[in-house]
N, C-alpha and C. Protein backbone atom coordinates (compact mmCIF):
# COMPACT_ATOMS: atom_id res chain seq x y z
N MET A 1 42.30 83.60 140.47
CA MET A 1 43.30 83.02 139.58
C MET A 1 43.20 83.70 138.22
N THR A 2 44.33 84.08 137.70
CA THR A 2 44.35 84.79 136.41
C THR A 2 44.94 83.90 135.34
N ALA A 3 44.26 83.75 134.25
CA ALA A 3 44.75 82.94 133.14
C ALA A 3 45.37 83.85 132.09
N THR A 4 46.52 83.44 131.59
CA THR A 4 47.19 84.20 130.53
C THR A 4 47.07 83.43 129.22
N VAL A 5 46.50 84.06 128.24
CA VAL A 5 46.31 83.43 126.93
C VAL A 5 47.27 84.07 125.95
N SER A 6 48.07 83.25 125.30
CA SER A 6 48.99 83.77 124.28
C SER A 6 48.59 83.27 122.92
N TYR A 7 48.80 84.11 121.93
CA TYR A 7 48.44 83.75 120.57
C TYR A 7 49.71 83.65 119.72
N ALA A 8 49.70 82.67 118.85
CA ALA A 8 50.85 82.55 117.93
C ALA A 8 50.82 83.73 116.98
N PRO A 9 51.97 84.34 116.74
CA PRO A 9 51.98 85.51 115.85
C PRO A 9 51.57 85.13 114.44
N THR A 10 50.77 85.97 113.82
CA THR A 10 50.38 85.75 112.43
C THR A 10 51.47 86.29 111.53
N LEU A 11 51.32 86.05 110.23
CA LEU A 11 52.30 86.52 109.26
C LEU A 11 52.41 88.03 109.30
N GLU A 12 51.25 88.70 109.55
CA GLU A 12 51.24 90.16 109.58
C GLU A 12 51.97 90.69 110.81
N ASP A 13 51.98 89.89 111.90
CA ASP A 13 52.60 90.34 113.15
C ASP A 13 54.12 90.22 113.13
N ARG A 14 54.64 89.38 112.26
CA ARG A 14 56.07 89.14 112.26
C ARG A 14 56.81 90.32 111.63
N PRO A 15 57.91 90.72 112.23
CA PRO A 15 58.65 91.86 111.66
C PRO A 15 59.23 91.52 110.30
N SER A 16 59.18 92.48 109.41
CA SER A 16 59.75 92.27 108.07
C SER A 16 61.26 92.33 108.13
N PRO A 17 61.94 91.51 107.33
CA PRO A 17 63.40 91.59 107.31
C PRO A 17 63.85 92.93 106.74
N PRO A 18 64.96 93.46 107.21
CA PRO A 18 65.42 94.76 106.70
C PRO A 18 65.76 94.68 105.22
N LEU A 19 65.52 95.76 104.52
CA LEU A 19 65.83 95.81 103.09
C LEU A 19 67.34 95.73 102.87
N LEU A 20 67.70 95.11 101.78
CA LEU A 20 69.10 95.04 101.40
C LEU A 20 69.49 96.39 100.80
N ARG A 21 70.54 96.99 101.34
CA ARG A 21 70.97 98.32 100.87
C ARG A 21 72.05 98.11 99.82
N MET A 22 71.67 98.23 98.57
CA MET A 22 72.57 97.90 97.48
C MET A 22 72.22 98.71 96.24
N SER A 23 73.21 98.97 95.39
CA SER A 23 72.97 99.59 94.09
C SER A 23 73.73 98.80 93.04
N LEU A 24 73.18 98.74 91.83
CA LEU A 24 73.81 98.02 90.73
C LEU A 24 73.91 98.92 89.51
N ALA A 25 74.94 98.72 88.70
CA ALA A 25 75.08 99.48 87.47
C ALA A 25 73.89 99.19 86.56
N PRO A 26 73.51 100.13 85.72
CA PRO A 26 72.34 99.93 84.84
C PRO A 26 72.53 98.74 83.91
N SER A 27 71.43 98.14 83.54
CA SER A 27 71.48 97.02 82.61
C SER A 27 72.02 97.49 81.27
N GLY A 28 72.82 96.65 80.65
CA GLY A 28 73.39 96.98 79.34
C GLY A 28 74.66 97.78 79.38
N SER A 29 75.10 98.22 80.56
CA SER A 29 76.34 99.00 80.64
C SER A 29 77.54 98.08 80.51
N ALA A 30 78.60 98.61 79.95
CA ALA A 30 79.81 97.80 79.77
C ALA A 30 80.45 97.52 81.12
N PRO A 31 81.05 96.34 81.27
CA PRO A 31 81.72 96.02 82.55
C PRO A 31 82.83 97.02 82.86
N VAL A 32 82.83 97.52 84.09
CA VAL A 32 83.85 98.47 84.53
C VAL A 32 84.48 97.92 85.80
N LEU A 33 85.22 98.77 86.52
CA LEU A 33 85.90 98.28 87.72
C LEU A 33 84.92 97.84 88.80
N LEU A 34 83.83 98.57 88.95
CA LEU A 34 82.83 98.24 89.97
C LEU A 34 81.47 98.03 89.31
N ASP A 35 80.75 97.04 89.80
CA ASP A 35 79.42 96.74 89.28
C ASP A 35 78.31 97.26 90.19
N GLY A 36 78.71 97.96 91.25
CA GLY A 36 77.73 98.50 92.17
C GLY A 36 78.31 98.60 93.57
N ALA A 37 77.42 98.73 94.56
CA ALA A 37 77.86 98.88 95.95
C ALA A 37 76.88 98.17 96.87
N TRP A 38 77.40 97.77 98.02
CA TRP A 38 76.61 97.11 99.05
C TRP A 38 76.92 97.78 100.37
N TRP A 39 75.87 98.11 101.13
CA TRP A 39 76.01 98.77 102.43
C TRP A 39 75.49 97.84 103.51
N PRO A 40 76.31 96.91 104.00
CA PRO A 40 75.84 95.98 105.03
C PRO A 40 75.60 96.68 106.35
N ARG A 41 74.88 96.02 107.24
CA ARG A 41 74.57 96.58 108.55
C ARG A 41 75.59 96.20 109.61
N SER A 42 76.50 95.28 109.29
CA SER A 42 77.52 94.88 110.25
C SER A 42 78.71 94.31 109.49
N ARG A 43 79.77 93.99 110.24
CA ARG A 43 80.96 93.36 109.66
C ARG A 43 80.96 91.85 109.95
N ASP A 44 79.77 91.31 110.19
CA ASP A 44 79.62 89.87 110.40
C ASP A 44 79.30 89.24 109.05
N LEU A 45 80.31 88.72 108.37
CA LEU A 45 80.13 88.22 107.02
C LEU A 45 79.16 87.03 106.98
N GLY A 46 79.22 86.17 108.01
CA GLY A 46 78.34 85.03 108.04
C GLY A 46 76.88 85.42 108.16
N ALA A 47 76.61 86.53 108.84
CA ALA A 47 75.23 87.00 109.01
C ALA A 47 74.75 87.84 107.83
N GLU A 48 75.64 88.56 107.19
CA GLU A 48 75.26 89.50 106.14
C GLU A 48 75.18 88.86 104.75
N LEU A 49 76.02 87.88 104.49
CA LEU A 49 76.12 87.33 103.14
C LEU A 49 74.84 86.64 102.65
N PRO A 50 74.10 85.89 103.48
CA PRO A 50 72.90 85.22 102.96
C PRO A 50 71.89 86.16 102.32
N SER A 51 71.64 87.34 102.91
CA SER A 51 70.66 88.26 102.33
C SER A 51 71.17 88.83 101.01
N LEU A 52 72.48 89.01 100.89
CA LEU A 52 73.05 89.52 99.64
C LEU A 52 72.90 88.49 98.52
N THR A 53 73.28 87.25 98.79
CA THR A 53 73.19 86.21 97.75
C THR A 53 71.74 85.87 97.41
N ALA A 54 70.82 86.05 98.36
CA ALA A 54 69.42 85.77 98.08
C ALA A 54 68.90 86.62 96.93
N VAL A 55 69.41 87.84 96.82
CA VAL A 55 69.01 88.73 95.73
C VAL A 55 69.85 88.48 94.48
N LEU A 56 71.16 88.37 94.66
CA LEU A 56 72.04 88.26 93.50
C LEU A 56 71.91 86.92 92.78
N ASP A 57 71.55 85.86 93.49
CA ASP A 57 71.37 84.57 92.83
C ASP A 57 70.35 84.65 91.71
N SER A 58 69.28 85.41 91.94
CA SER A 58 68.23 85.51 90.93
C SER A 58 68.60 86.46 89.79
N LEU A 59 69.57 87.33 90.03
CA LEU A 59 69.98 88.29 89.01
C LEU A 59 71.16 87.81 88.19
N TRP A 60 72.15 87.26 88.86
CA TRP A 60 73.42 86.93 88.20
C TRP A 60 73.67 85.43 88.06
N GLY A 61 72.80 84.60 88.57
CA GLY A 61 73.10 83.18 88.64
C GLY A 61 73.65 82.87 90.03
N ARG A 62 73.61 81.63 90.42
CA ARG A 62 73.99 81.25 91.77
C ARG A 62 75.41 81.69 92.12
N ILE A 63 75.55 82.48 93.17
CA ILE A 63 76.86 82.91 93.65
C ILE A 63 77.51 81.73 94.36
N THR A 64 78.67 81.32 93.88
CA THR A 64 79.33 80.14 94.45
C THR A 64 80.56 80.49 95.27
N ARG A 65 81.16 81.65 95.02
CA ARG A 65 82.37 82.00 95.75
C ARG A 65 82.44 83.51 95.93
N VAL A 66 82.97 83.94 97.06
CA VAL A 66 83.15 85.35 97.38
C VAL A 66 84.55 85.53 97.93
N THR A 67 85.21 86.62 97.55
CA THR A 67 86.50 86.93 98.15
C THR A 67 86.48 88.35 98.71
N VAL A 68 87.16 88.53 99.82
CA VAL A 68 87.24 89.84 100.48
C VAL A 68 88.68 90.06 100.95
N ASN A 69 88.96 91.31 101.27
CA ASN A 69 90.21 91.63 101.95
C ASN A 69 89.90 91.60 103.45
N PRO A 70 90.64 90.81 104.26
CA PRO A 70 90.30 90.67 105.68
C PRO A 70 90.56 91.91 106.52
N ALA A 71 91.07 92.98 105.91
CA ALA A 71 91.40 94.19 106.69
C ALA A 71 90.19 94.74 107.42
N HIS A 72 88.99 94.64 106.82
CA HIS A 72 87.79 95.22 107.42
C HIS A 72 86.78 94.16 107.88
N TRP A 73 87.17 92.89 107.85
CA TRP A 73 86.27 91.83 108.29
C TRP A 73 86.94 91.09 109.45
N PRO A 74 86.45 91.24 110.67
CA PRO A 74 87.08 90.62 111.84
C PRO A 74 87.24 89.11 111.70
N THR A 75 86.23 88.46 111.11
CA THR A 75 86.27 87.01 110.90
C THR A 75 85.84 86.72 109.48
N VAL A 76 86.62 85.89 108.79
CA VAL A 76 86.29 85.48 107.43
C VAL A 76 86.07 83.97 107.43
N PRO A 77 84.82 83.53 107.48
CA PRO A 77 84.55 82.09 107.46
C PRO A 77 84.90 81.49 106.10
N ARG A 78 85.31 80.25 106.08
CA ARG A 78 85.66 79.60 104.82
C ARG A 78 84.43 79.26 104.00
N LYS A 79 83.32 78.99 104.69
CA LYS A 79 82.07 78.67 104.00
C LYS A 79 80.91 79.34 104.75
N VAL A 80 79.93 79.82 103.98
CA VAL A 80 78.74 80.44 104.58
C VAL A 80 77.50 79.77 103.99
N PRO A 81 76.68 79.12 104.80
CA PRO A 81 75.43 78.54 104.30
C PRO A 81 74.46 79.66 103.90
N VAL A 82 73.93 79.54 102.69
CA VAL A 82 72.93 80.49 102.21
C VAL A 82 71.73 79.68 101.74
N ALA A 83 70.74 80.33 101.17
CA ALA A 83 69.52 79.63 100.77
C ALA A 83 69.82 78.56 99.72
N GLY A 84 69.73 77.31 100.11
CA GLY A 84 69.84 76.22 99.16
C GLY A 84 71.23 75.75 98.81
N HIS A 85 72.26 76.45 99.26
CA HIS A 85 73.63 76.02 98.94
C HIS A 85 74.62 76.66 99.88
N VAL A 86 75.89 76.46 99.60
CA VAL A 86 76.96 77.00 100.43
C VAL A 86 77.85 77.87 99.55
N VAL A 87 78.22 79.04 100.05
CA VAL A 87 79.14 79.93 99.34
C VAL A 87 80.53 79.81 99.98
N LYS A 88 81.53 79.52 99.15
CA LYS A 88 82.90 79.47 99.64
C LYS A 88 83.45 80.89 99.73
N VAL A 89 84.20 81.17 100.77
CA VAL A 89 84.72 82.51 100.99
C VAL A 89 86.25 82.47 101.04
N GLY A 90 86.88 83.35 100.28
CA GLY A 90 88.33 83.47 100.29
C GLY A 90 88.74 84.85 100.75
N SER A 91 89.97 84.99 101.22
CA SER A 91 90.46 86.30 101.65
C SER A 91 91.85 86.53 101.08
N PHE A 92 92.07 87.74 100.59
CA PHE A 92 93.35 88.11 99.99
C PHE A 92 93.74 89.49 100.50
N MET A 93 94.78 89.55 101.28
CA MET A 93 95.21 90.81 101.89
C MET A 93 95.88 91.74 100.88
N ALA A 94 96.83 91.22 100.12
CA ALA A 94 97.63 92.07 99.24
C ALA A 94 96.97 92.29 97.89
N GLN A 95 96.28 91.28 97.37
CA GLN A 95 95.78 91.34 96.00
C GLN A 95 94.44 92.05 95.84
N GLN A 96 93.69 92.23 96.92
CA GLN A 96 92.33 92.75 96.78
C GLN A 96 92.15 94.07 97.52
N ASP A 97 91.46 94.98 96.86
CA ASP A 97 91.12 96.27 97.47
C ASP A 97 90.39 96.04 98.79
N PRO A 98 90.79 96.70 99.87
CA PRO A 98 90.14 96.47 101.17
C PRO A 98 88.67 96.83 101.22
N HIS A 99 88.19 97.67 100.29
CA HIS A 99 86.78 98.08 100.28
C HIS A 99 85.98 97.38 99.19
N GLN A 100 86.52 96.31 98.64
CA GLN A 100 85.89 95.62 97.52
C GLN A 100 85.52 94.19 97.89
N MET A 101 84.41 93.72 97.33
CA MET A 101 84.03 92.32 97.43
C MET A 101 83.91 91.77 96.01
N LEU A 102 84.52 90.64 95.77
CA LEU A 102 84.44 89.98 94.47
C LEU A 102 83.50 88.80 94.60
N LEU A 103 82.57 88.68 93.67
CA LEU A 103 81.61 87.59 93.68
C LEU A 103 81.71 86.79 92.39
N LEU A 104 81.70 85.48 92.51
CA LEU A 104 81.81 84.59 91.36
C LEU A 104 80.56 83.73 91.25
N SER A 105 80.05 83.60 90.02
CA SER A 105 78.96 82.68 89.73
C SER A 105 79.49 81.65 88.76
N TYR A 106 79.43 80.40 89.15
CA TYR A 106 80.04 79.32 88.38
C TYR A 106 79.58 79.33 86.93
N ARG A 107 80.54 79.41 86.01
CA ARG A 107 80.32 79.39 84.56
C ARG A 107 79.50 80.57 84.05
N VAL A 108 79.30 81.58 84.88
CA VAL A 108 78.54 82.76 84.44
C VAL A 108 79.43 83.99 84.37
N GLY A 109 80.14 84.30 85.45
CA GLY A 109 80.99 85.47 85.43
C GLY A 109 81.36 85.93 86.82
N ARG A 110 81.94 87.11 86.91
CA ARG A 110 82.33 87.71 88.18
C ARG A 110 81.88 89.16 88.23
N TRP A 111 81.68 89.62 89.46
CA TRP A 111 81.25 90.99 89.68
C TRP A 111 82.00 91.55 90.87
N ASP A 112 82.16 92.86 90.89
CA ASP A 112 82.88 93.53 91.97
C ASP A 112 81.99 94.60 92.60
N LEU A 113 81.85 94.54 93.91
CA LEU A 113 81.03 95.52 94.63
C LEU A 113 81.89 96.31 95.61
N LEU A 114 81.62 97.62 95.68
CA LEU A 114 82.15 98.43 96.76
C LEU A 114 81.40 98.06 98.02
N VAL A 115 82.13 97.80 99.12
CA VAL A 115 81.49 97.53 100.41
C VAL A 115 81.59 98.80 101.25
N ILE A 116 80.45 99.42 101.49
CA ILE A 116 80.41 100.66 102.26
C ILE A 116 80.42 100.31 103.75
N PRO A 117 81.31 100.88 104.54
CA PRO A 117 81.36 100.57 105.98
C PRO A 117 80.00 100.76 106.64
N PRO A 118 79.59 99.83 107.51
CA PRO A 118 78.26 99.91 108.13
C PRO A 118 78.01 101.23 108.86
N GLN A 119 79.05 101.83 109.45
CA GLN A 119 78.86 103.04 110.26
C GLN A 119 78.82 104.31 109.41
N THR A 120 78.90 104.21 108.10
CA THR A 120 78.88 105.39 107.22
C THR A 120 77.57 106.16 107.39
N ASN A 121 77.67 107.49 107.44
CA ASN A 121 76.44 108.28 107.59
C ASN A 121 75.61 108.19 106.30
N PRO A 122 74.29 108.30 106.41
CA PRO A 122 73.40 108.06 105.26
C PRO A 122 73.66 108.92 104.04
N VAL A 123 74.05 110.19 104.24
CA VAL A 123 74.30 111.05 103.08
C VAL A 123 75.51 110.56 102.30
N ALA A 124 76.60 110.26 102.99
CA ALA A 124 77.79 109.76 102.32
C ALA A 124 77.52 108.40 101.70
N ALA A 125 76.76 107.55 102.39
CA ALA A 125 76.44 106.22 101.85
C ALA A 125 75.62 106.32 100.57
N ALA A 126 74.67 107.25 100.55
CA ALA A 126 73.86 107.44 99.34
C ALA A 126 74.72 107.89 98.18
N TRP A 127 75.68 108.79 98.45
CA TRP A 127 76.59 109.24 97.39
C TRP A 127 77.43 108.07 96.87
N LEU A 128 77.93 107.24 97.77
CA LEU A 128 78.75 106.10 97.39
C LEU A 128 77.93 105.07 96.60
N LEU A 129 76.70 104.82 97.03
CA LEU A 129 75.84 103.89 96.30
C LEU A 129 75.62 104.35 94.86
N ALA A 130 75.39 105.64 94.70
CA ALA A 130 75.18 106.18 93.36
C ALA A 130 76.46 106.19 92.54
N ALA A 131 77.56 106.59 93.16
CA ALA A 131 78.83 106.70 92.43
C ALA A 131 79.33 105.33 91.97
N ALA A 132 79.20 104.31 92.83
CA ALA A 132 79.71 102.98 92.49
C ALA A 132 78.90 102.32 91.37
N SER A 133 77.66 102.74 91.19
CA SER A 133 76.83 102.16 90.13
C SER A 133 76.76 103.03 88.89
N ASP A 134 77.57 104.09 88.85
CA ASP A 134 77.63 104.98 87.69
C ASP A 134 78.56 104.35 86.64
N PRO A 135 78.04 103.95 85.48
CA PRO A 135 78.88 103.28 84.48
C PRO A 135 79.94 104.18 83.86
N LEU A 136 79.85 105.48 84.08
CA LEU A 136 80.83 106.40 83.51
C LEU A 136 82.05 106.57 84.42
N ARG A 137 81.96 106.10 85.65
CA ARG A 137 83.08 106.23 86.58
C ARG A 137 84.06 105.08 86.40
N THR A 138 85.34 105.37 86.63
CA THR A 138 86.38 104.34 86.52
C THR A 138 87.21 104.27 87.80
N SER A 139 86.63 104.68 88.91
CA SER A 139 87.35 104.69 90.18
C SER A 139 87.32 103.31 90.83
N THR A 140 88.37 103.00 91.57
CA THR A 140 88.39 101.78 92.37
C THR A 140 87.56 102.01 93.63
N ALA A 141 87.35 100.94 94.38
CA ALA A 141 86.58 101.06 95.63
C ALA A 141 87.26 102.01 96.60
N SER A 142 88.57 101.86 96.77
CA SER A 142 89.30 102.72 97.71
C SER A 142 89.33 104.17 97.23
N GLU A 143 89.40 104.38 95.92
CA GLU A 143 89.37 105.75 95.39
C GLU A 143 88.04 106.42 95.67
N LEU A 144 86.93 105.68 95.56
CA LEU A 144 85.63 106.26 95.87
C LEU A 144 85.51 106.58 97.36
N MET A 145 86.03 105.69 98.21
CA MET A 145 85.99 105.96 99.65
C MET A 145 86.79 107.20 99.99
N ALA A 146 87.96 107.36 99.35
CA ALA A 146 88.79 108.54 99.61
C ALA A 146 88.10 109.80 99.11
N GLU A 147 87.43 109.71 97.96
CA GLU A 147 86.72 110.88 97.42
C GLU A 147 85.57 111.28 98.33
N ALA A 148 84.84 110.28 98.84
CA ALA A 148 83.75 110.58 99.77
C ALA A 148 84.27 111.23 101.04
N ALA A 149 85.43 110.77 101.51
CA ALA A 149 86.02 111.35 102.72
C ALA A 149 86.41 112.81 102.48
N ARG A 150 86.99 113.08 101.30
CA ARG A 150 87.37 114.47 100.97
C ARG A 150 86.14 115.37 100.89
N LEU A 151 85.09 114.86 100.22
CA LEU A 151 83.87 115.64 100.10
C LEU A 151 83.24 115.88 101.46
N GLY A 152 83.28 114.86 102.32
CA GLY A 152 82.72 115.01 103.66
C GLY A 152 83.48 116.03 104.48
N THR A 153 84.81 116.02 104.36
CA THR A 153 85.63 116.99 105.07
C THR A 153 85.34 118.41 104.59
N ALA A 154 85.20 118.54 103.27
CA ALA A 154 84.89 119.87 102.71
C ALA A 154 83.53 120.35 103.18
N THR A 155 82.57 119.42 103.27
CA THR A 155 81.23 119.79 103.73
C THR A 155 81.26 120.26 105.17
N GLU A 156 81.97 119.53 106.03
CA GLU A 156 82.06 119.93 107.44
C GLU A 156 82.76 121.29 107.58
N THR A 157 83.78 121.53 106.74
CA THR A 157 84.47 122.83 106.78
C THR A 157 83.52 123.94 106.37
N ASP A 158 82.74 123.69 105.31
CA ASP A 158 81.77 124.68 104.85
C ASP A 158 80.76 125.01 105.95
N ARG A 159 80.31 123.97 106.66
CA ARG A 159 79.32 124.19 107.71
C ARG A 159 79.90 124.98 108.87
N ALA A 160 81.16 124.69 109.18
CA ALA A 160 81.80 125.42 110.27
C ALA A 160 81.97 126.89 109.90
N VAL A 161 82.37 127.15 108.66
CA VAL A 161 82.53 128.54 108.20
C VAL A 161 81.19 129.24 108.20
N GLU A 162 80.16 128.54 107.75
CA GLU A 162 78.82 129.13 107.70
C GLU A 162 78.31 129.44 109.10
N ALA A 163 78.62 128.54 110.06
CA ALA A 163 78.17 128.78 111.44
C ALA A 163 78.80 130.04 112.00
N VAL A 164 80.09 130.23 111.72
CA VAL A 164 80.78 131.44 112.19
C VAL A 164 80.18 132.67 111.52
N TRP A 165 79.93 132.53 110.22
CA TRP A 165 79.37 133.64 109.44
C TRP A 165 77.98 134.00 109.98
N ASP A 166 77.17 132.97 110.31
CA ASP A 166 75.84 133.22 110.86
C ASP A 166 75.94 133.95 112.20
N SER A 167 76.92 133.53 113.03
CA SER A 167 77.05 134.14 114.36
C SER A 167 77.42 135.61 114.27
N GLU A 168 77.98 135.99 113.11
CA GLU A 168 78.35 137.39 112.91
C GLU A 168 77.31 138.15 112.11
N GLY A 169 76.13 137.51 111.93
CA GLY A 169 75.04 138.18 111.22
C GLY A 169 75.13 138.08 109.72
N GLY A 170 75.85 137.05 109.23
CA GLY A 170 76.06 136.94 107.79
C GLY A 170 74.79 136.78 106.99
N HIS A 171 73.89 135.85 107.40
CA HIS A 171 72.66 135.64 106.64
C HIS A 171 71.77 136.88 106.66
N GLU A 172 71.75 137.55 107.81
CA GLU A 172 70.91 138.75 107.90
C GLU A 172 71.43 139.84 106.99
N ALA A 173 72.76 139.80 106.74
CA ALA A 173 73.34 140.81 105.85
C ALA A 173 73.13 140.46 104.38
N GLY A 174 72.62 139.24 104.11
CA GLY A 174 72.33 138.88 102.73
C GLY A 174 73.52 138.38 101.97
N GLY A 175 74.58 137.94 102.64
CA GLY A 175 75.74 137.42 101.93
C GLY A 175 75.50 136.02 101.42
N PRO A 176 76.43 135.49 100.63
CA PRO A 176 76.27 134.15 100.06
C PRO A 176 76.45 133.09 101.13
N SER A 177 75.78 131.98 100.98
CA SER A 177 75.94 130.85 101.90
C SER A 177 76.50 129.67 101.15
N SER A 178 77.21 128.83 101.87
CA SER A 178 77.79 127.64 101.23
C SER A 178 76.76 126.53 101.21
N THR A 179 77.00 125.54 100.38
CA THR A 179 76.11 124.38 100.29
C THR A 179 76.93 123.13 100.50
N PRO A 180 76.32 122.06 101.03
CA PRO A 180 77.06 120.83 101.24
C PRO A 180 77.65 120.30 99.94
N ARG A 181 78.88 119.77 100.02
CA ARG A 181 79.53 119.24 98.83
C ARG A 181 78.98 117.86 98.46
N ILE A 182 78.51 117.08 99.46
CA ILE A 182 77.95 115.77 99.17
C ILE A 182 76.44 115.92 99.04
N PRO A 183 75.87 115.74 97.85
CA PRO A 183 74.43 115.89 97.69
C PRO A 183 73.69 114.72 98.31
N ALA A 184 72.50 114.97 98.82
CA ALA A 184 71.68 113.89 99.38
C ALA A 184 70.97 113.18 98.24
N VAL A 185 71.68 112.26 97.60
CA VAL A 185 71.13 111.57 96.43
C VAL A 185 70.56 110.23 96.85
N VAL A 186 69.74 109.68 95.98
CA VAL A 186 69.21 108.34 96.19
C VAL A 186 69.85 107.44 95.16
N ALA A 187 70.39 106.31 95.60
CA ALA A 187 71.04 105.39 94.68
C ALA A 187 70.04 104.88 93.66
N PRO A 188 70.51 104.56 92.42
CA PRO A 188 69.59 104.12 91.39
C PRO A 188 68.84 102.84 91.75
N VAL A 189 69.43 101.97 92.53
CA VAL A 189 68.77 100.74 92.96
C VAL A 189 69.08 100.55 94.43
N ILE A 190 68.06 100.50 95.27
CA ILE A 190 68.32 100.29 96.70
C ILE A 190 67.14 99.57 97.31
N GLY A 191 67.41 98.53 98.08
CA GLY A 191 66.37 97.75 98.71
C GLY A 191 66.01 96.53 97.90
N ILE A 192 65.62 95.46 98.55
CA ILE A 192 65.34 94.21 97.87
C ILE A 192 64.25 94.32 96.81
N PRO A 193 63.11 94.98 97.08
CA PRO A 193 62.08 95.04 96.03
C PRO A 193 62.58 95.69 94.75
N ALA A 194 63.36 96.78 94.87
CA ALA A 194 63.86 97.46 93.66
C ALA A 194 64.90 96.61 92.95
N VAL A 195 65.80 96.01 93.71
CA VAL A 195 66.84 95.21 93.10
C VAL A 195 66.25 94.01 92.37
N ALA A 196 65.21 93.42 92.94
CA ALA A 196 64.62 92.24 92.35
C ALA A 196 64.05 92.52 90.97
N LEU A 197 63.74 93.78 90.68
CA LEU A 197 63.19 94.14 89.39
C LEU A 197 64.26 94.53 88.38
N ALA A 198 65.49 94.61 88.84
CA ALA A 198 66.57 95.05 87.96
C ALA A 198 66.95 93.95 86.98
N THR A 199 67.49 94.34 85.83
CA THR A 199 68.01 93.40 84.85
C THR A 199 69.51 93.35 84.97
N PRO A 200 70.11 92.16 85.07
CA PRO A 200 71.55 92.09 85.26
C PRO A 200 72.29 92.64 84.05
N HIS A 201 73.42 93.29 84.30
CA HIS A 201 74.24 93.80 83.23
C HIS A 201 75.32 92.77 82.92
N PRO A 202 76.03 92.91 81.80
CA PRO A 202 77.03 91.89 81.43
C PRO A 202 78.08 91.69 82.51
N ALA A 203 78.47 90.45 82.69
CA ALA A 203 79.47 90.12 83.70
C ALA A 203 80.87 90.19 83.12
N LYS A 204 81.83 90.44 83.98
CA LYS A 204 83.22 90.37 83.57
C LYS A 204 83.62 88.91 83.38
N GLU A 205 84.63 88.68 82.59
CA GLU A 205 85.13 87.33 82.44
C GLU A 205 85.90 86.96 83.70
N VAL A 206 85.82 85.70 84.08
CA VAL A 206 86.51 85.22 85.27
C VAL A 206 88.00 85.12 84.98
């Protein structure tokens, strides 16, 4: 007879929750069109929103309401339970940029985040995270997405041209080579530990 002994997992054995992929504009920067970017892992708003508010509540004050454009969210729940409270969710098809999320903190202010599609490749996502948190930029969420798409297309074209050039002995001949148009940058703030240390910048008026 064989006995099977199981042990309850310790704290060290439990998998760590995935880091929140987000960037925020630097502290002290003037309010602009976008206050940063968020790169969720899915389009399940009910599953993704709690981890976002868990970080932003401590930075911006309790997030009480969120609005999105339903174009990229298959289901928009009216309310999402988060840590210690409930966030009301609204959807606006015509009035809101499809790549933008608006967050409201009662009596504190509002913030706007670029929502990067979950399937975005890491290089483009890193560029978008950095661009959306750049206080010198005045692009809308959709304008940044379009710019990233153009840069990505140019990069793929460059690579295709370089591949043909290589096949014809271009590098061996010492000719110039192209470089990717989208740099592999790291966003100024990414992951829960880094975000938790950030200082909130001024909020827009509601």
